[in-house]
Amino acid sequence: MTRSLTVKKEIRTLGLDLCNPLRVVGAVTRGGDYLDGVLVLPSNPTLETTWIASKIIRTRFFPELRLIMTHDPEKQLDPDLIERLTKLPVITVDSTRKRQSDGIKLYKVGPKQLQVKSSLPPRILQEILSTTSAIGILPEPLRIAHLLSGSRFFAKNTRFQANK
């Protein structure tokens, strides 16, 4: 990670949700309050981390992004590779209830506990999770991306271009 990270109230975050096998959906938010944009990538059978990282770099949101959050239950992405290619810190949030493994640690955000893995220091990570959490179990960028990935809007509306 070469960019310095300052946690502000409206930190720009990209939340990537990989729960839907048909598409990868991202939501760009400012803190936990504002939705700035949506990123929709078609998912191919061999989902490649380098391909997703290059798509993130080419979005119009990239210059203002400060971190990336992923919700990847199947562990399809390599967060270390995304971090190295985009030069942005990556926070992996796991919503399944299981034992901590692979460097996943529990973080308490209000009344809820999140299972999180990141290379960031614990104090900064706790501050980011508190800033980006609003309602629900997942932080707001991931919650919005998860809602969009489960919606039928993209399947019905073929003229929708979220990435422009």
N, C-alpha and C. Protein backbone atom coordinates (compact mmCIF):
# COMPACT_ATOMS: atom_id res chain seq x y z
N MET A 1 0.85 -1.16 0.00
CA MET A 1 0.00 0.00 0.00
C MET A 1 0.90 1.23 0.00
N THR A 2 0.78 2.07 -1.03
CA THR A 2 1.63 3.24 -1.10
C THR A 2 0.89 4.52 -0.78
N ARG A 3 -0.43 4.55 -0.91
CA ARG A 3 -1.18 5.74 -0.55
C ARG A 3 -1.29 5.82 0.97
N SER A 4 -1.14 7.03 1.52
CA SER A 4 -1.34 7.17 2.96
C SER A 4 -2.84 7.22 3.23
N LEU A 5 -3.25 6.71 4.37
CA LEU A 5 -4.66 6.61 4.68
C LEU A 5 -4.99 7.49 5.87
N THR A 6 -5.85 8.47 5.63
CA THR A 6 -6.38 9.31 6.68
C THR A 6 -7.87 9.02 6.76
N VAL A 7 -8.33 8.63 7.93
CA VAL A 7 -9.74 8.29 8.08
C VAL A 7 -10.51 9.56 8.40
N LYS A 8 -11.37 9.96 7.47
CA LYS A 8 -12.23 11.12 7.66
C LYS A 8 -13.68 10.65 7.70
N LYS A 9 -14.57 11.54 8.05
CA LYS A 9 -15.99 11.21 8.18
C LYS A 9 -16.57 10.69 6.86
N GLU A 10 -16.13 11.26 5.75
CA GLU A 10 -16.66 10.88 4.44
C GLU A 10 -15.60 10.18 3.59
N ILE A 11 -14.93 9.20 4.15
CA ILE A 11 -13.90 8.46 3.42
C ILE A 11 -14.55 7.69 2.26
N ARG A 12 -13.97 7.83 1.06
CA ARG A 12 -14.51 7.15 -0.12
C ARG A 12 -14.11 5.68 -0.09
N THR A 13 -15.12 4.83 -0.16
CA THR A 13 -14.90 3.40 -0.05
C THR A 13 -15.63 2.68 -1.17
N LEU A 14 -14.98 1.69 -1.77
CA LEU A 14 -15.61 0.81 -2.74
C LEU A 14 -15.91 -0.50 -2.05
N GLY A 15 -17.18 -0.87 -2.01
CA GLY A 15 -17.58 -2.16 -1.46
C GLY A 15 -17.87 -3.11 -2.60
N LEU A 16 -17.18 -4.24 -2.67
CA LEU A 16 -17.38 -5.24 -3.73
C LEU A 16 -18.08 -6.46 -3.15
N ASP A 17 -19.19 -6.85 -3.77
CA ASP A 17 -19.92 -8.03 -3.33
C ASP A 17 -19.83 -9.10 -4.40
N LEU A 18 -19.40 -10.31 -4.00
CA LEU A 18 -19.25 -11.42 -4.95
C LEU A 18 -20.21 -12.56 -4.64
N CYS A 19 -21.35 -12.25 -4.04
CA CYS A 19 -22.32 -13.30 -3.69
C CYS A 19 -23.09 -13.80 -4.90
N ASN A 20 -23.27 -12.96 -5.90
CA ASN A 20 -24.03 -13.33 -7.09
C ASN A 20 -23.08 -13.92 -8.13
N PRO A 21 -23.33 -15.16 -8.59
CA PRO A 21 -22.42 -15.76 -9.57
C PRO A 21 -22.48 -15.10 -10.95
N LEU A 22 -23.50 -14.28 -11.21
CA LEU A 22 -23.65 -13.66 -12.53
C LEU A 22 -22.93 -12.33 -12.66
N ARG A 23 -22.67 -11.67 -11.53
CA ARG A 23 -22.06 -10.35 -11.62
C ARG A 23 -21.34 -9.99 -10.32
N VAL A 24 -20.36 -9.12 -10.46
CA VAL A 24 -19.68 -8.52 -9.32
C VAL A 24 -20.21 -7.11 -9.22
N VAL A 25 -20.75 -6.74 -8.07
CA VAL A 25 -21.35 -5.42 -7.91
C VAL A 25 -20.55 -4.65 -6.87
N GLY A 26 -20.27 -3.40 -7.19
CA GLY A 26 -19.57 -2.52 -6.27
C GLY A 26 -20.39 -1.28 -6.01
N ALA A 27 -20.27 -0.75 -4.80
CA ALA A 27 -20.92 0.50 -4.43
C ALA A 27 -19.87 1.43 -3.85
N VAL A 28 -19.82 2.65 -4.38
CA VAL A 28 -18.88 3.65 -3.89
C VAL A 28 -19.66 4.57 -2.96
N THR A 29 -19.20 4.65 -1.72
CA THR A 29 -19.87 5.48 -0.74
C THR A 29 -18.90 6.46 -0.10
N ARG A 30 -19.47 7.51 0.48
CA ARG A 30 -18.70 8.44 1.30
C ARG A 30 -19.11 8.18 2.74
N GLY A 31 -18.21 7.60 3.51
CA GLY A 31 -18.53 7.21 4.87
C GLY A 31 -19.64 6.18 4.85
N GLY A 32 -20.58 6.32 5.74
CA GLY A 32 -21.74 5.44 5.73
C GLY A 32 -22.99 6.18 5.35
N ASP A 33 -22.82 7.39 4.75
CA ASP A 33 -23.96 8.27 4.54
C ASP A 33 -24.40 8.42 3.08
N TYR A 34 -23.46 8.54 2.14
CA TYR A 34 -23.81 8.90 0.78
C TYR A 34 -23.37 7.84 -0.21
N LEU A 35 -24.23 7.55 -1.17
CA LEU A 35 -23.90 6.65 -2.27
C LEU A 35 -23.45 7.51 -3.44
N ASP A 36 -22.21 7.33 -3.88
CA ASP A 36 -21.67 8.13 -4.98
C ASP A 36 -21.77 7.44 -6.32
N GLY A 37 -21.75 6.12 -6.34
CA GLY A 37 -21.81 5.43 -7.62
C GLY A 37 -21.89 3.94 -7.47
N VAL A 38 -22.15 3.29 -8.61
CA VAL A 38 -22.31 1.84 -8.65
C VAL A 38 -21.39 1.30 -9.74
N LEU A 39 -20.77 0.18 -9.47
CA LEU A 39 -19.89 -0.49 -10.42
C LEU A 39 -20.43 -1.90 -10.63
N VAL A 40 -20.74 -2.25 -11.88
CA VAL A 40 -21.27 -3.58 -12.19
C VAL A 40 -20.34 -4.24 -13.19
N LEU A 41 -19.81 -5.40 -12.80
CA LEU A 41 -18.91 -6.15 -13.67
C LEU A 41 -19.50 -7.52 -13.94
N PRO A 42 -19.59 -7.92 -15.20
CA PRO A 42 -20.07 -9.28 -15.46
C PRO A 42 -19.08 -10.29 -14.92
N SER A 43 -19.59 -11.32 -14.31
CA SER A 43 -18.72 -12.34 -13.73
C SER A 43 -18.51 -13.44 -14.76
N ASN A 44 -17.27 -13.76 -15.00
CA ASN A 44 -16.97 -14.86 -15.91
C ASN A 44 -16.62 -16.10 -15.08
N PRO A 45 -16.69 -17.29 -15.66
CA PRO A 45 -16.44 -18.51 -14.88
C PRO A 45 -15.08 -18.52 -14.18
N THR A 46 -14.09 -17.96 -14.80
CA THR A 46 -12.77 -17.89 -14.16
C THR A 46 -12.55 -16.45 -13.70
N LEU A 47 -13.11 -16.12 -12.58
CA LEU A 47 -13.03 -14.78 -12.05
C LEU A 47 -11.58 -14.48 -11.67
N GLU A 48 -10.98 -13.52 -12.36
CA GLU A 48 -9.58 -13.23 -12.13
C GLU A 48 -9.42 -11.93 -11.35
N THR A 49 -8.59 -12.00 -10.34
CA THR A 49 -8.35 -10.85 -9.48
C THR A 49 -7.72 -9.71 -10.25
N THR A 50 -6.79 -10.01 -11.15
CA THR A 50 -6.12 -8.96 -11.91
C THR A 50 -7.10 -8.23 -12.82
N TRP A 51 -8.06 -8.95 -13.39
CA TRP A 51 -9.07 -8.35 -14.25
C TRP A 51 -9.93 -7.38 -13.44
N ILE A 52 -10.36 -7.79 -12.25
CA ILE A 52 -11.19 -6.92 -11.40
C ILE A 52 -10.39 -5.71 -10.96
N ALA A 53 -9.14 -5.89 -10.59
CA ALA A 53 -8.29 -4.76 -10.17
C ALA A 53 -8.12 -3.77 -11.31
N SER A 54 -7.93 -4.25 -12.53
CA SER A 54 -7.78 -3.33 -13.67
C SER A 54 -9.08 -2.57 -13.94
N LYS A 55 -10.22 -3.22 -13.75
CA LYS A 55 -11.51 -2.54 -13.92
C LYS A 55 -11.70 -1.47 -12.86
N ILE A 56 -11.28 -1.74 -11.63
CA ILE A 56 -11.38 -0.76 -10.55
C ILE A 56 -10.52 0.46 -10.88
N ILE A 57 -9.32 0.23 -11.36
CA ILE A 57 -8.41 1.33 -11.69
C ILE A 57 -8.97 2.20 -12.81
N ARG A 58 -9.72 1.61 -13.74
CA ARG A 58 -10.25 2.35 -14.88
C ARG A 58 -11.58 3.07 -14.60
N THR A 59 -12.15 2.91 -13.42
CA THR A 59 -13.41 3.60 -13.14
C THR A 59 -13.17 5.08 -12.87
N ARG A 60 -14.20 5.86 -13.03
CA ARG A 60 -14.07 7.29 -12.76
C ARG A 60 -13.96 7.59 -11.27
N PHE A 61 -14.29 6.63 -10.43
CA PHE A 61 -14.24 6.82 -8.98
C PHE A 61 -12.85 6.59 -8.40
N PHE A 62 -11.97 5.93 -9.14
CA PHE A 62 -10.68 5.50 -8.60
C PHE A 62 -9.82 6.61 -8.01
N PRO A 63 -9.70 7.78 -8.65
CA PRO A 63 -8.81 8.80 -8.07
C PRO A 63 -9.20 9.24 -6.66
N GLU A 64 -10.47 9.12 -6.30
CA GLU A 64 -10.91 9.55 -4.98
C GLU A 64 -11.08 8.41 -3.99
N LEU A 65 -10.91 7.17 -4.43
CA LEU A 65 -11.06 6.03 -3.53
C LEU A 65 -9.91 6.00 -2.53
N ARG A 66 -10.22 5.61 -1.30
CA ARG A 66 -9.20 5.48 -0.26
C ARG A 66 -9.06 4.05 0.24
N LEU A 67 -10.10 3.21 0.03
CA LEU A 67 -10.00 1.82 0.43
C LEU A 67 -11.06 0.99 -0.27
N ILE A 68 -10.85 -0.32 -0.25
CA ILE A 68 -11.75 -1.28 -0.87
C ILE A 68 -12.18 -2.29 0.19
N MET A 69 -13.48 -2.57 0.24
CA MET A 69 -14.01 -3.62 1.11
C MET A 69 -14.56 -4.72 0.23
N THR A 70 -14.35 -5.96 0.61
CA THR A 70 -14.89 -7.07 -0.16
C THR A 70 -15.74 -7.96 0.73
N HIS A 71 -16.81 -8.47 0.14
CA HIS A 71 -17.65 -9.50 0.77
C HIS A 71 -17.60 -10.67 -0.19
N ASP A 72 -16.78 -11.65 0.12
CA ASP A 72 -16.48 -12.74 -0.80
C ASP A 72 -16.57 -14.07 -0.05
N PRO A 73 -17.79 -14.61 0.12
CA PRO A 73 -17.94 -15.84 0.90
C PRO A 73 -17.19 -17.04 0.32
N GLU A 74 -17.03 -17.08 -0.99
CA GLU A 74 -16.38 -18.23 -1.63
C GLU A 74 -14.87 -18.06 -1.77
N LYS A 75 -14.33 -16.95 -1.31
CA LYS A 75 -12.88 -16.66 -1.38
C LYS A 75 -12.35 -16.75 -2.81
N GLN A 76 -13.03 -16.08 -3.75
CA GLN A 76 -12.63 -16.09 -5.15
C GLN A 76 -11.51 -15.10 -5.44
N LEU A 77 -11.47 -14.00 -4.67
CA LEU A 77 -10.48 -12.96 -4.91
C LEU A 77 -9.28 -13.08 -3.98
N ASP A 78 -8.16 -12.58 -4.45
CA ASP A 78 -6.96 -12.50 -3.63
C ASP A 78 -6.82 -11.05 -3.17
N PRO A 79 -7.19 -10.74 -1.92
CA PRO A 79 -7.16 -9.35 -1.46
C PRO A 79 -5.75 -8.74 -1.48
N ASP A 80 -4.73 -9.56 -1.26
CA ASP A 80 -3.36 -9.04 -1.28
C ASP A 80 -2.96 -8.58 -2.68
N LEU A 81 -3.40 -9.31 -3.71
CA LEU A 81 -3.11 -8.93 -5.09
C LEU A 81 -3.86 -7.65 -5.47
N ILE A 82 -5.11 -7.53 -5.06
CA ILE A 82 -5.87 -6.30 -5.34
C ILE A 82 -5.20 -5.11 -4.66
N GLU A 83 -4.76 -5.31 -3.42
CA GLU A 83 -4.08 -4.25 -2.68
C GLU A 83 -2.78 -3.84 -3.38
N ARG A 84 -2.05 -4.81 -3.87
CA ARG A 84 -0.78 -4.52 -4.55
C ARG A 84 -1.01 -3.81 -5.89
N LEU A 85 -2.03 -4.22 -6.65
CA LEU A 85 -2.27 -3.63 -7.97
C LEU A 85 -2.92 -2.25 -7.90
N THR A 86 -3.86 -2.05 -6.98
CA THR A 86 -4.57 -0.77 -6.88
C THR A 86 -3.89 0.21 -5.94
N LYS A 87 -2.98 -0.30 -5.11
CA LYS A 87 -2.30 0.51 -4.09
C LYS A 87 -3.29 1.11 -3.10
N LEU A 88 -4.39 0.40 -2.87
CA LEU A 88 -5.39 0.78 -1.88
C LEU A 88 -5.51 -0.35 -0.85
N PRO A 89 -5.72 -0.01 0.42
CA PRO A 89 -5.91 -1.07 1.41
C PRO A 89 -7.20 -1.82 1.15
N VAL A 90 -7.19 -3.12 1.38
CA VAL A 90 -8.36 -3.97 1.18
C VAL A 90 -8.77 -4.55 2.52
N ILE A 91 -10.07 -4.43 2.81
CA ILE A 91 -10.65 -4.99 4.02
C ILE A 91 -11.61 -6.08 3.59
N THR A 92 -11.38 -7.30 4.04
CA THR A 92 -12.27 -8.41 3.73
C THR A 92 -13.20 -8.62 4.92
N VAL A 93 -14.51 -8.54 4.65
CA VAL A 93 -15.51 -8.73 5.70
C VAL A 93 -16.22 -10.03 5.43
N ASP A 94 -16.26 -10.88 6.45
CA ASP A 94 -16.91 -12.18 6.33
C ASP A 94 -18.17 -12.16 7.19
N SER A 95 -19.30 -12.46 6.58
CA SER A 95 -20.57 -12.39 7.32
C SER A 95 -21.01 -13.75 7.83
N THR A 96 -20.31 -14.80 7.45
CA THR A 96 -20.71 -16.13 7.92
C THR A 96 -20.23 -16.32 9.35
N ARG A 97 -20.99 -17.06 10.10
CA ARG A 97 -20.63 -17.30 11.51
C ARG A 97 -19.78 -18.56 11.58
N LYS A 98 -18.49 -18.37 11.76
CA LYS A 98 -17.58 -19.50 11.89
C LYS A 98 -16.40 -19.07 12.74
N ARG A 99 -15.55 -19.99 13.01
CA ARG A 99 -14.36 -19.65 13.80
C ARG A 99 -13.42 -18.76 13.01
N GLN A 100 -12.65 -17.99 13.74
CA GLN A 100 -11.67 -17.13 13.09
C GLN A 100 -10.54 -17.98 12.54
N SER A 101 -10.28 -17.80 11.27
CA SER A 101 -9.16 -18.49 10.63
C SER A 101 -8.61 -17.60 9.52
N ASP A 102 -7.47 -17.94 9.01
CA ASP A 102 -6.85 -17.19 7.92
C ASP A 102 -6.66 -15.71 8.25
N GLY A 103 -6.36 -15.39 9.50
CA GLY A 103 -6.12 -14.00 9.87
C GLY A 103 -7.37 -13.19 10.11
N ILE A 104 -8.54 -13.81 10.12
CA ILE A 104 -9.79 -13.09 10.36
C ILE A 104 -9.93 -12.85 11.85
N LYS A 105 -10.26 -11.60 12.22
CA LYS A 105 -10.41 -11.23 13.62
C LYS A 105 -11.78 -10.61 13.84
N LEU A 106 -12.28 -10.71 15.04
CA LEU A 106 -13.56 -10.11 15.40
C LEU A 106 -13.37 -8.65 15.79
N TYR A 107 -14.24 -7.78 15.27
CA TYR A 107 -14.25 -6.37 15.63
C TYR A 107 -15.66 -6.01 16.06
N LYS A 108 -15.76 -5.28 17.16
CA LYS A 108 -17.05 -4.87 17.68
C LYS A 108 -17.35 -3.47 17.16
N VAL A 109 -18.49 -3.33 16.46
CA VAL A 109 -18.94 -2.05 15.94
C VAL A 109 -20.35 -1.84 16.47
N GLY A 110 -20.47 -1.03 17.50
CA GLY A 110 -21.77 -0.85 18.15
C GLY A 110 -22.20 -2.17 18.76
N PRO A 111 -23.45 -2.57 18.53
CA PRO A 111 -23.93 -3.83 19.11
C PRO A 111 -23.55 -5.08 18.30
N LYS A 112 -22.96 -4.89 17.13
CA LYS A 112 -22.67 -6.04 16.28
C LYS A 112 -21.18 -6.36 16.25
N GLN A 113 -20.87 -7.60 15.85
CA GLN A 113 -19.49 -8.03 15.70
C GLN A 113 -19.25 -8.42 14.24
N LEU A 114 -18.13 -7.97 13.70
CA LEU A 114 -17.77 -8.28 12.32
C LEU A 114 -16.51 -9.13 12.30
N GLN A 115 -16.46 -10.05 11.36
CA GLN A 115 -15.26 -10.84 11.13
C GLN A 115 -14.51 -10.20 9.97
N VAL A 116 -13.32 -9.69 10.26
CA VAL A 116 -12.61 -8.83 9.32
C VAL A 116 -11.16 -9.29 9.18
N LYS A 117 -10.65 -9.13 7.95
CA LYS A 117 -9.23 -9.40 7.68
C LYS A 117 -8.68 -8.22 6.89
N SER A 118 -7.55 -7.67 7.35
CA SER A 118 -6.94 -6.55 6.65
C SER A 118 -5.49 -6.39 7.11
N SER A 119 -4.72 -5.67 6.30
CA SER A 119 -3.34 -5.38 6.66
C SER A 119 -3.23 -4.07 7.43
N LEU A 120 -4.35 -3.39 7.63
CA LEU A 120 -4.35 -2.12 8.35
C LEU A 120 -4.16 -2.34 9.85
N PRO A 121 -3.61 -1.36 10.55
CA PRO A 121 -3.49 -1.47 12.01
C PRO A 121 -4.89 -1.53 12.66
N PRO A 122 -5.02 -2.24 13.77
CA PRO A 122 -6.34 -2.42 14.40
C PRO A 122 -7.05 -1.11 14.75
N ARG A 123 -6.33 -0.09 15.18
CA ARG A 123 -6.96 1.17 15.55
C ARG A 123 -7.60 1.85 14.34
N ILE A 124 -6.88 1.88 13.22
CA ILE A 124 -7.41 2.49 11.99
C ILE A 124 -8.56 1.65 11.45
N LEU A 125 -8.43 0.34 11.50
CA LEU A 125 -9.48 -0.56 11.03
C LEU A 125 -10.77 -0.36 11.84
N GLN A 126 -10.65 -0.24 13.14
CA GLN A 126 -11.81 -0.01 14.00
C GLN A 126 -12.47 1.33 13.66
N GLU A 127 -11.66 2.35 13.39
CA GLU A 127 -12.19 3.67 13.03
C GLU A 127 -12.92 3.62 11.69
N ILE A 128 -12.37 2.91 10.72
CA ILE A 128 -13.02 2.76 9.41
C ILE A 128 -14.35 2.04 9.54
N LEU A 129 -14.36 0.94 10.28
CA LEU A 129 -15.59 0.17 10.45
C LEU A 129 -16.66 1.00 11.16
N SER A 130 -16.28 1.79 12.12
CA SER A 130 -17.25 2.65 12.82
C SER A 130 -17.78 3.74 11.90
N THR A 131 -16.91 4.30 11.05
CA THR A 131 -17.31 5.37 10.15
C THR A 131 -18.23 4.87 9.04
N THR A 132 -17.97 3.68 8.52
CA THR A 132 -18.74 3.19 7.37
C THR A 132 -19.97 2.38 7.75
N SER A 133 -20.17 2.12 9.02
CA SER A 133 -21.33 1.34 9.44
C SER A 133 -22.51 2.25 9.70
N ALA A 134 -23.68 1.84 9.22
CA ALA A 134 -24.90 2.61 9.46
C ALA A 134 -25.97 1.70 10.04
N ILE A 135 -26.52 0.83 9.20
CA ILE A 135 -27.52 -0.14 9.67
C ILE A 135 -27.16 -1.50 9.12
N GLY A 136 -27.70 -2.54 9.71
CA GLY A 136 -27.42 -3.88 9.23
C GLY A 136 -26.10 -4.41 9.75
N ILE A 137 -25.80 -5.63 9.36
CA ILE A 137 -24.58 -6.28 9.84
C ILE A 137 -23.36 -5.79 9.07
N LEU A 138 -23.47 -5.68 7.76
CA LEU A 138 -22.32 -5.28 6.93
C LEU A 138 -22.12 -3.77 6.95
N PRO A 139 -20.88 -3.30 6.76
CA PRO A 139 -20.66 -1.86 6.56
C PRO A 139 -21.44 -1.38 5.33
N GLU A 140 -21.77 -0.12 5.30
CA GLU A 140 -22.67 0.43 4.28
C GLU A 140 -22.23 0.17 2.83
N PRO A 141 -20.95 0.31 2.45
CA PRO A 141 -20.59 0.03 1.06
C PRO A 141 -20.91 -1.42 0.66
N LEU A 142 -20.66 -2.35 1.57
CA LEU A 142 -20.94 -3.76 1.28
C LEU A 142 -22.43 -4.06 1.33
N ARG A 143 -23.14 -3.42 2.24
CA ARG A 143 -24.57 -3.65 2.36
C ARG A 143 -25.29 -3.21 1.08
N ILE A 144 -24.92 -2.04 0.55
CA ILE A 144 -25.54 -1.55 -0.68
C ILE A 144 -25.17 -2.45 -1.86
N ALA A 145 -23.90 -2.83 -1.97
CA ALA A 145 -23.47 -3.70 -3.06
C ALA A 145 -24.18 -5.05 -2.98
N HIS A 146 -24.37 -5.57 -1.77
CA HIS A 146 -25.05 -6.85 -1.58
C HIS A 146 -26.52 -6.75 -1.98
N LEU A 147 -27.17 -5.66 -1.62
CA LEU A 147 -28.57 -5.46 -2.02
C LEU A 147 -28.70 -5.37 -3.54
N LEU A 148 -27.79 -4.64 -4.18
CA LEU A 148 -27.83 -4.49 -5.63
C LEU A 148 -27.51 -5.80 -6.34
N SER A 149 -26.60 -6.57 -5.81
CA SER A 149 -26.24 -7.82 -6.48
C SER A 149 -27.39 -8.82 -6.42
N GLY A 150 -28.23 -8.73 -5.41
CA GLY A 150 -29.37 -9.63 -5.31
C GLY A 150 -30.60 -9.14 -6.03
N SER A 151 -30.56 -7.91 -6.54
CA SER A 151 -31.75 -7.36 -7.21
C SER A 151 -31.86 -7.90 -8.63
N ARG A 152 -33.05 -7.78 -9.18
CA ARG A 152 -33.28 -8.23 -10.56
C ARG A 152 -33.22 -7.07 -11.54
N PHE A 153 -32.84 -5.89 -11.08
CA PHE A 153 -32.83 -4.71 -11.93
C PHE A 153 -31.88 -4.86 -13.11
N PHE A 154 -30.69 -5.37 -12.87
CA PHE A 154 -29.69 -5.45 -13.94
C PHE A 154 -30.05 -6.48 -14.99
N ALA A 155 -30.76 -7.53 -14.61
CA ALA A 155 -31.15 -8.56 -15.58
C ALA A 155 -32.23 -8.03 -16.52
N LYS A 156 -33.14 -7.22 -16.01
CA LYS A 156 -34.24 -6.72 -16.82
C LYS A 156 -33.85 -5.52 -17.67
N ASN A 157 -33.01 -4.66 -17.16
CA ASN A 157 -32.68 -3.42 -17.83
C ASN A 157 -31.33 -3.55 -18.51
N THR A 158 -31.33 -3.93 -19.78
CA THR A 158 -30.07 -4.15 -20.50
C THR A 158 -29.41 -2.85 -20.92
N ARG A 159 -30.14 -1.72 -20.89
CA ARG A 159 -29.56 -0.44 -21.30
C ARG A 159 -28.93 0.31 -20.15
N PHE A 160 -29.04 -0.20 -18.94
CA PHE A 160 -28.48 0.47 -17.76
C PHE A 160 -26.96 0.39 -17.81
N GLN A 161 -26.29 1.53 -17.69
CA GLN A 161 -24.84 1.57 -17.69
C GLN A 161 -24.37 2.25 -16.41
N ALA A 162 -24.08 1.46 -15.40
CA ALA A 162 -23.72 2.01 -14.10
C ALA A 162 -22.28 2.50 -14.05
N ASN A 163 -21.44 2.04 -14.93
CA ASN A 163 -20.00 2.33 -14.82
C ASN A 163 -19.61 3.63 -15.50
N LYS A 164 -20.50 4.29 -16.18
CA LYS A 164 -20.15 5.49 -16.96
C LYS A 164 -20.16 6.72 -16.10
